């Protein structure tokens, strides 16, 4: 996910940089932020339908320029 790393570096966004530096799944990380959850809590529940939907929404937001 090279483009996200470039975007993080260019924007200086601390959340994005943190996610990249720690090897997080960026779409799950974005979804956890959007849902007000800790990343680890989101990952623990990522198989649940609501979490899958949240990750898909975060992915769509990232690729459509909404982040």
PDB file of N, CA and C in Angstrom:
ATOM      1  N   UNK A   1       0.847  -1.172   0.000  1.00  0.00           N
ATOM      2  CA  UNK A   1       0.000   0.000   0.000  1.00  0.00           C
ATOM      3  C   UNK A   1       0.893   1.235   0.000  1.00  0.00           C
ATOM      4  N   UNK A   2       1.668   1.287  -1.006  1.00  0.00           N
ATOM      5  CA  UNK A   2       2.661   2.340  -1.199  1.00  0.00           C
ATOM      6  C   UNK A   2       2.043   3.740  -1.231  1.00  0.00           C
ATOM      7  N   UNK A   3       0.890   3.880  -1.878  1.00  0.00           N
ATOM      8  CA  UNK A   3       0.290   5.212  -1.990  1.00  0.00           C
ATOM      9  C   UNK A   3      -0.126   5.781  -0.644  1.00  0.00           C
ATOM     10  N   UNK A   4      -0.539   4.925   0.282  1.00  0.00           N
ATOM     11  CA  UNK A   4      -0.911   5.398   1.617  1.00  0.00           C
ATOM     12  C   UNK A   4       0.330   5.890   2.360  1.00  0.00           C
ATOM     13  N   UNK A   5       1.444   5.189   2.204  1.00  0.00           N
ATOM     14  CA  UNK A   5       2.684   5.615   2.857  1.00  0.00           C
ATOM     15  C   UNK A   5       3.158   6.953   2.301  1.00  0.00           C
ATOM     16  N   UNK A   6       3.027   7.133   1.009  1.00  0.00           N
ATOM     17  CA  UNK A   6       3.404   8.407   0.386  1.00  0.00           C
ATOM     18  C   UNK A   6       2.484   9.513   0.886  1.00  0.00           C
ATOM     19  N   UNK A   7       1.197   9.237   0.922  1.00  0.00           N
ATOM     20  CA  UNK A   7       0.227  10.220   1.407  1.00  0.00           C
ATOM     21  C   UNK A   7       0.509  10.596   2.863  1.00  0.00           C
ATOM     22  N   UNK A   8       0.844   9.606   3.673  1.00  0.00           N
ATOM     23  CA  UNK A   8       1.165   9.875   5.078  1.00  0.00           C
ATOM     24  C   UNK A   8       2.374  10.794   5.188  1.00  0.00           C
ATOM     25  N   UNK A   9       3.400  10.497   4.405  1.00  0.00           N
ATOM     26  CA  UNK A   9       4.622  11.306   4.452  1.00  0.00           C
ATOM     27  C   UNK A   9       4.368  12.731   3.960  1.00  0.00           C
ATOM     28  N   UNK A  10       3.638  12.863   2.881  1.00  0.00           N
ATOM     29  CA  UNK A  10       3.377  14.191   2.313  1.00  0.00           C
ATOM     30  C   UNK A  10       2.448  15.025   3.190  1.00  0.00           C
ATOM     31  N   UNK A  11       1.466  14.378   3.783  1.00  0.00           N
ATOM     32  CA  UNK A  11       0.481  15.124   4.583  1.00  0.00           C
ATOM     33  C   UNK A  11       0.992  15.431   5.990  1.00  0.00           C
ATOM     34  N   UNK A  12       1.890  14.578   6.481  1.00  0.00           N
ATOM     35  CA  UNK A  12       2.351  14.743   7.854  1.00  0.00           C
ATOM     36  C   UNK A  12       1.309  14.329   8.885  1.00  0.00           C
ATOM     37  N   UNK A  13       0.250  13.633   8.446  1.00  0.00           N
ATOM     38  CA  UNK A  13      -0.810  13.207   9.351  1.00  0.00           C
ATOM     39  C   UNK A  13      -0.255  12.187  10.349  1.00  0.00           C
ATOM     40  N   UNK A  14      -0.303  12.531  11.626  1.00  0.00           N
ATOM     41  CA  UNK A  14       0.294  11.691  12.657  1.00  0.00           C
ATOM     42  C   UNK A  14      -0.364  10.316  12.759  1.00  0.00           C
ATOM     43  N   UNK A  15      -1.683  10.243  12.585  1.00  0.00           N
ATOM     44  CA  UNK A  15      -2.370   8.947  12.634  1.00  0.00           C
ATOM     45  C   UNK A  15      -1.918   8.051  11.496  1.00  0.00           C
ATOM     46  N   UNK A  16      -1.840   8.609  10.309  1.00  0.00           N
ATOM     47  CA  UNK A  16      -1.412   7.817   9.148  1.00  0.00           C
ATOM     48  C   UNK A  16       0.038   7.366   9.301  1.00  0.00           C
ATOM     49  N   UNK A  17       0.890   8.257   9.753  1.00  0.00           N
ATOM     50  CA  UNK A  17       2.304   7.912   9.955  1.00  0.00           C
ATOM     51  C   UNK A  17       2.423   6.799  10.988  1.00  0.00           C
ATOM     52  N   UNK A  18       1.672   6.921  12.078  1.00  0.00           N
ATOM     53  CA  UNK A  18       1.684   5.901  13.136  1.00  0.00           C
ATOM     54  C   UNK A  18       1.271   4.543  12.563  1.00  0.00           C
ATOM     55  N   UNK A  19       0.214   4.515  11.778  1.00  0.00           N
ATOM     56  CA  UNK A  19      -0.269   3.261  11.186  1.00  0.00           C
ATOM     57  C   UNK A  19       0.783   2.648  10.269  1.00  0.00           C
ATOM     58  N   UNK A  20       1.418   3.476   9.466  1.00  0.00           N
ATOM     59  CA  UNK A  20       2.450   2.986   8.543  1.00  0.00           C
ATOM     60  C   UNK A  20       3.671   2.473   9.293  1.00  0.00           C
ATOM     61  N   UNK A  21       4.115   3.217  10.271  1.00  0.00           N
ATOM     62  CA  UNK A  21       5.306   2.828  11.034  1.00  0.00           C
ATOM     63  C   UNK A  21       5.106   1.525  11.798  1.00  0.00           C
ATOM     64  N   UNK A  22       3.873   1.255  12.187  1.00  0.00           N
ATOM     65  CA  UNK A  22       3.587   0.065  12.979  1.00  0.00           C
ATOM     66  C   UNK A  22       3.057  -1.104  12.159  1.00  0.00           C
ATOM     67  N   UNK A  23       3.029  -0.943  10.836  1.00  0.00           N
ATOM     68  CA  UNK A  23       2.604  -2.033   9.963  1.00  0.00           C
ATOM     69  C   UNK A  23       1.136  -2.396  10.088  1.00  0.00           C
ATOM     70  N   UNK A  24       0.324  -1.426  10.478  1.00  0.00           N
ATOM     71  CA  UNK A  24      -1.108  -1.693  10.627  1.00  0.00           C
ATOM     72  C   UNK A  24      -1.763  -1.904   9.267  1.00  0.00           C
ATOM     73  N   UNK A  25      -2.831  -2.681   9.277  1.00  0.00           N
ATOM     74  CA  UNK A  25      -3.706  -2.769   8.115  1.00  0.00           C
ATOM     75  C   UNK A  25      -4.422  -1.416   8.062  1.00  0.00           C
ATOM     76  N   UNK A  26      -4.093  -0.626   7.064  1.00  0.00           N
ATOM     77  CA  UNK A  26      -4.547   0.751   7.070  1.00  0.00           C
ATOM     78  C   UNK A  26      -6.065   0.885   7.035  1.00  0.00           C
ATOM     79  N   UNK A  27      -6.741   0.019   6.290  1.00  0.00           N
ATOM     80  CA  UNK A  27      -8.202   0.131   6.204  1.00  0.00           C
ATOM     81  C   UNK A  27      -8.856  -0.236   7.545  1.00  0.00           C
ATOM     82  N   UNK A  28      -8.309  -1.216   8.222  1.00  0.00           N
ATOM     83  CA  UNK A  28      -8.823  -1.542   9.561  1.00  0.00           C
ATOM     84  C   UNK A  28      -8.517  -0.419  10.545  1.00  0.00           C
ATOM     85  N   UNK A  29      -7.335   0.167  10.418  1.00  0.00           N
ATOM     86  CA  UNK A  29      -6.974   1.289  11.282  1.00  0.00           C
ATOM     87  C   UNK A  29      -7.920   2.472  11.046  1.00  0.00           C
ATOM     88  N   UNK A  30      -8.176   2.789   9.783  1.00  0.00           N
ATOM     89  CA  UNK A  30      -9.089   3.888   9.454  1.00  0.00           C
ATOM     90  C   UNK A  30     -10.488   3.602   9.998  1.00  0.00           C
ATOM     91  N   UNK A  31     -10.937   2.361   9.830  1.00  0.00           N
ATOM     92  CA  UNK A  31     -12.260   1.988  10.329  1.00  0.00           C
ATOM     93  C   UNK A  31     -12.325   2.125  11.843  1.00  0.00           C
ATOM     94  N   UNK A  32     -11.250   1.723  12.526  1.00  0.00           N
ATOM     95  CA  UNK A  32     -11.260   1.845  13.991  1.00  0.00           C
ATOM     96  C   UNK A  32     -11.357   3.306  14.415  1.00  0.00           C
ATOM     97  N   UNK A  33     -10.659   4.190  13.705  1.00  0.00           N
ATOM     98  CA  UNK A  33     -10.762   5.622  14.006  1.00  0.00           C
ATOM     99  C   UNK A  33     -12.172   6.137  13.746  1.00  0.00           C
ATOM    100  N   UNK A  34     -12.745   5.723  12.623  1.00  0.00           N
ATOM    101  CA  UNK A  34     -14.088   6.180  12.258  1.00  0.00           C
ATOM    102  C   UNK A  34     -15.138   5.706  13.275  1.00  0.00           C
ATOM    103  N   UNK A  35     -14.876   4.544  13.887  1.00  0.00           N
ATOM    104  CA  UNK A  35     -15.825   3.985  14.848  1.00  0.00           C
ATOM    105  C   UNK A  35     -15.495   4.367  16.288  1.00  0.00           C
ATOM    106  N   UNK A  36     -14.392   5.089  16.483  1.00  0.00           N
ATOM    107  CA  UNK A  36     -14.005   5.485  17.835  1.00  0.00           C
ATOM    108  C   UNK A  36     -13.520   4.326  18.686  1.00  0.00           C
ATOM    109  N   UNK A  37     -12.895   3.344  18.020  1.00  0.00           N
ATOM    110  CA  UNK A  37     -12.404   2.153  18.715  1.00  0.00           C
ATOM    111  C   UNK A  37     -10.885   2.117  18.668  1.00  0.00           C
ATOM    112  N   UNK A  38     -10.306   1.414  19.614  1.00  0.00           N
ATOM    113  CA  UNK A  38      -8.879   1.129  19.553  1.00  0.00           C
ATOM    114  C   UNK A  38      -8.658   0.139  18.412  1.00  0.00           C
ATOM    115  N   UNK A  39      -7.532   0.279  17.743  1.00  0.00           N
ATOM    116  CA  UNK A  39      -7.197  -0.596  16.611  1.00  0.00           C
ATOM    117  C   UNK A  39      -7.242  -2.074  17.024  1.00  0.00           C
ATOM    118  N   UNK A  40      -6.651  -2.393  18.163  1.00  0.00           N
ATOM    119  CA  UNK A  40      -6.597  -3.779  18.627  1.00  0.00           C
ATOM    120  C   UNK A  40      -7.994  -4.332  18.886  1.00  0.00           C
ATOM    121  N   UNK A  41      -8.894  -3.497  19.421  1.00  0.00           N
ATOM    122  CA  UNK A  41     -10.275  -3.923  19.660  1.00  0.00           C
ATOM    123  C   UNK A  41     -10.988  -4.189  18.334  1.00  0.00           C
ATOM    124  N   UNK A  42     -10.721  -3.324  17.363  1.00  0.00           N
ATOM    125  CA  UNK A  42     -11.319  -3.527  16.045  1.00  0.00           C
ATOM    126  C   UNK A  42     -10.844  -4.854  15.458  1.00  0.00           C
ATOM    127  N   UNK A  43      -9.537  -5.111  15.521  1.00  0.00           N
ATOM    128  CA  UNK A  43      -9.000  -6.356  14.973  1.00  0.00           C
ATOM    129  C   UNK A  43      -9.593  -7.582  15.647  1.00  0.00           C
ATOM    130  N   UNK A  44      -9.824  -7.485  16.944  1.00  0.00           N
ATOM    131  CA  UNK A  44     -10.392  -8.612  17.681  1.00  0.00           C
ATOM    132  C   UNK A  44     -11.800  -8.943  17.210  1.00  0.00           C
ATOM    133  N   UNK A  45     -12.484  -7.960  16.615  1.00  0.00           N
ATOM    134  CA  UNK A  45     -13.867  -8.140  16.171  1.00  0.00           C
ATOM    135  C   UNK A  45     -14.018  -8.073  14.658  1.00  0.00           C
ATOM    136  N   UNK A  46     -12.905  -8.089  13.906  1.00  0.00           N
ATOM    137  CA  UNK A  46     -12.974  -7.818  12.470  1.00  0.00           C
ATOM    138  C   UNK A  46     -13.780  -8.839  11.678  1.00  0.00           C
ATOM    139  N   UNK A  47     -14.049 -10.000  12.230  1.00  0.00           N
ATOM    140  CA  UNK A  47     -14.861 -10.990  11.533  1.00  0.00           C
ATOM    141  C   UNK A  47     -16.356 -10.737  11.623  1.00  0.00           C
ATOM    142  N   UNK A  48     -16.748  -9.831  12.486  1.00  0.00           N
ATOM    143  CA  UNK A  48     -18.178  -9.533  12.660  1.00  0.00           C
ATOM    144  C   UNK A  48     -18.694  -8.721  11.473  1.00  0.00           C
ATOM    145  N   UNK A  49     -19.948  -8.946  11.075  1.00  0.00           N
ATOM    146  CA  UNK A  49     -20.497  -8.232   9.910  1.00  0.00           C
ATOM    147  C   UNK A  49     -20.372  -6.708   9.995  1.00  0.00           C
ATOM    148  N   UNK A  50     -20.627  -6.127  11.169  1.00  0.00           N
ATOM    149  CA  UNK A  50     -20.528  -4.668  11.311  1.00  0.00           C
ATOM    150  C   UNK A  50     -19.097  -4.179  11.100  1.00  0.00           C
ATOM    151  N   UNK A  51     -18.129  -4.962  11.553  1.00  0.00           N
ATOM    152  CA  UNK A  51     -16.724  -4.576  11.403  1.00  0.00           C
ATOM    153  C   UNK A  51     -16.273  -4.729   9.947  1.00  0.00           C
ATOM    154  N   UNK A  52     -16.758  -5.782   9.296  1.00  0.00           N
ATOM    155  CA  UNK A  52     -16.435  -5.960   7.872  1.00  0.00           C
ATOM    156  C   UNK A  52     -16.980  -4.792   7.063  1.00  0.00           C
ATOM    157  N   UNK A  53     -18.204  -4.395   7.370  1.00  0.00           N
ATOM    158  CA  UNK A  53     -18.838  -3.270   6.671  1.00  0.00           C
ATOM    159  C   UNK A  53     -18.074  -1.972   6.954  1.00  0.00           C
ATOM    160  N   UNK A  54     -17.661  -1.783   8.193  1.00  0.00           N
ATOM    161  CA  UNK A  54     -16.915  -0.580   8.566  1.00  0.00           C
ATOM    162  C   UNK A  54     -15.582  -0.523   7.814  1.00  0.00           C
ATOM    163  N   UNK A  55     -14.914  -1.672   7.674  1.00  0.00           N
ATOM    164  CA  UNK A  55     -13.641  -1.699   6.952  1.00  0.00           C
ATOM    165  C   UNK A  55     -13.859  -1.384   5.476  1.00  0.00           C
ATOM    166  N   UNK A  56     -14.918  -1.925   4.905  1.00  0.00           N
ATOM    167  CA  UNK A  56     -15.223  -1.633   3.489  1.00  0.00           C
ATOM    168  C   UNK A  56     -15.507  -0.148   3.297  1.00  0.00           C
ATOM    169  N   UNK A  57     -16.232   0.456   4.229  1.00  0.00           N
ATOM    170  CA  UNK A  57     -16.522   1.887   4.148  1.00  0.00           C
ATOM    171  C   UNK A  57     -15.249   2.716   4.269  1.00  0.00           C
ATOM    172  N   UNK A  58     -14.358   2.306   5.166  1.00  0.00           N
ATOM    173  CA  UNK A  58     -13.086   3.011   5.329  1.00  0.00           C
ATOM    174  C   UNK A  58     -12.240   2.898   4.064  1.00  0.00           C
ATOM    175  N   UNK A  59     -12.259   1.722   3.467  1.00  0.00           N
ATOM    176  CA  UNK A  59     -11.505   1.495   2.221  1.00  0.00           C
ATOM    177  C   UNK A  59     -12.041   2.389   1.109  1.00  0.00           C
ATOM    178  N   UNK A  60     -13.355   2.454   0.996  1.00  0.00           N
ATOM    179  CA  UNK A  60     -13.962   3.307  -0.029  1.00  0.00           C
ATOM    180  C   UNK A  60     -13.631   4.774   0.219  1.00  0.00           C
ATOM    181  N   UNK A  61     -13.633   5.188   1.467  1.00  0.00           N
ATOM    182  CA  UNK A  61     -13.304   6.572   1.806  1.00  0.00           C
ATOM    183  C   UNK A  61     -11.864   6.892   1.446  1.00  0.00           C
ATOM    184  N   UNK A  62     -10.946   5.994   1.758  1.00  0.00           N
ATOM    185  CA  UNK A  62      -9.534   6.203   1.455  1.00  0.00           C
ATOM    186  C   UNK A  62      -9.308   6.338  -0.038  1.00  0.00           C
ATOM    187  N   UNK A  63      -9.876   5.446  -0.829  1.00  0.00           N
ATOM    188  CA  UNK A  63      -9.624   5.446  -2.257  1.00  0.00           C
ATOM    189  C   UNK A  63     -10.413   6.492  -3.023  1.00  0.00           C
ATOM    190  N   UNK A  64     -11.441   7.040  -2.388  1.00  0.00           N
ATOM    191  CA  UNK A  64     -12.222   8.084  -3.042  1.00  0.00           C
ATOM    192  C   UNK A  64     -11.804   9.483  -2.591  1.00  0.00           C
ATOM    193  N   UNK A  65     -10.696   9.558  -1.900  1.00  0.00           N
ATOM    194  CA  UNK A  65     -10.138  10.861  -1.523  1.00  0.00           C
ATOM    195  C   UNK A  65     -10.785  11.505  -0.313  1.00  0.00           C
ATOM    196  N   UNK A  66     -11.538  10.736   0.463  1.00  0.00           N
ATOM    197  CA  UNK A  66     -12.210  11.326   1.605  1.00  0.00           C
ATOM    198  C   UNK A  66     -11.398  11.357   2.874  1.00  0.00           C
ATOM    199  N   UNK A  67     -10.190  10.827   2.814  1.00  0.00           N
ATOM    200  CA  UNK A  67      -9.379  10.799   4.037  1.00  0.00           C
ATOM    201  C   UNK A  67      -8.493  11.994   4.107  1.00  0.00           C
TER     202      UNK A  67
END
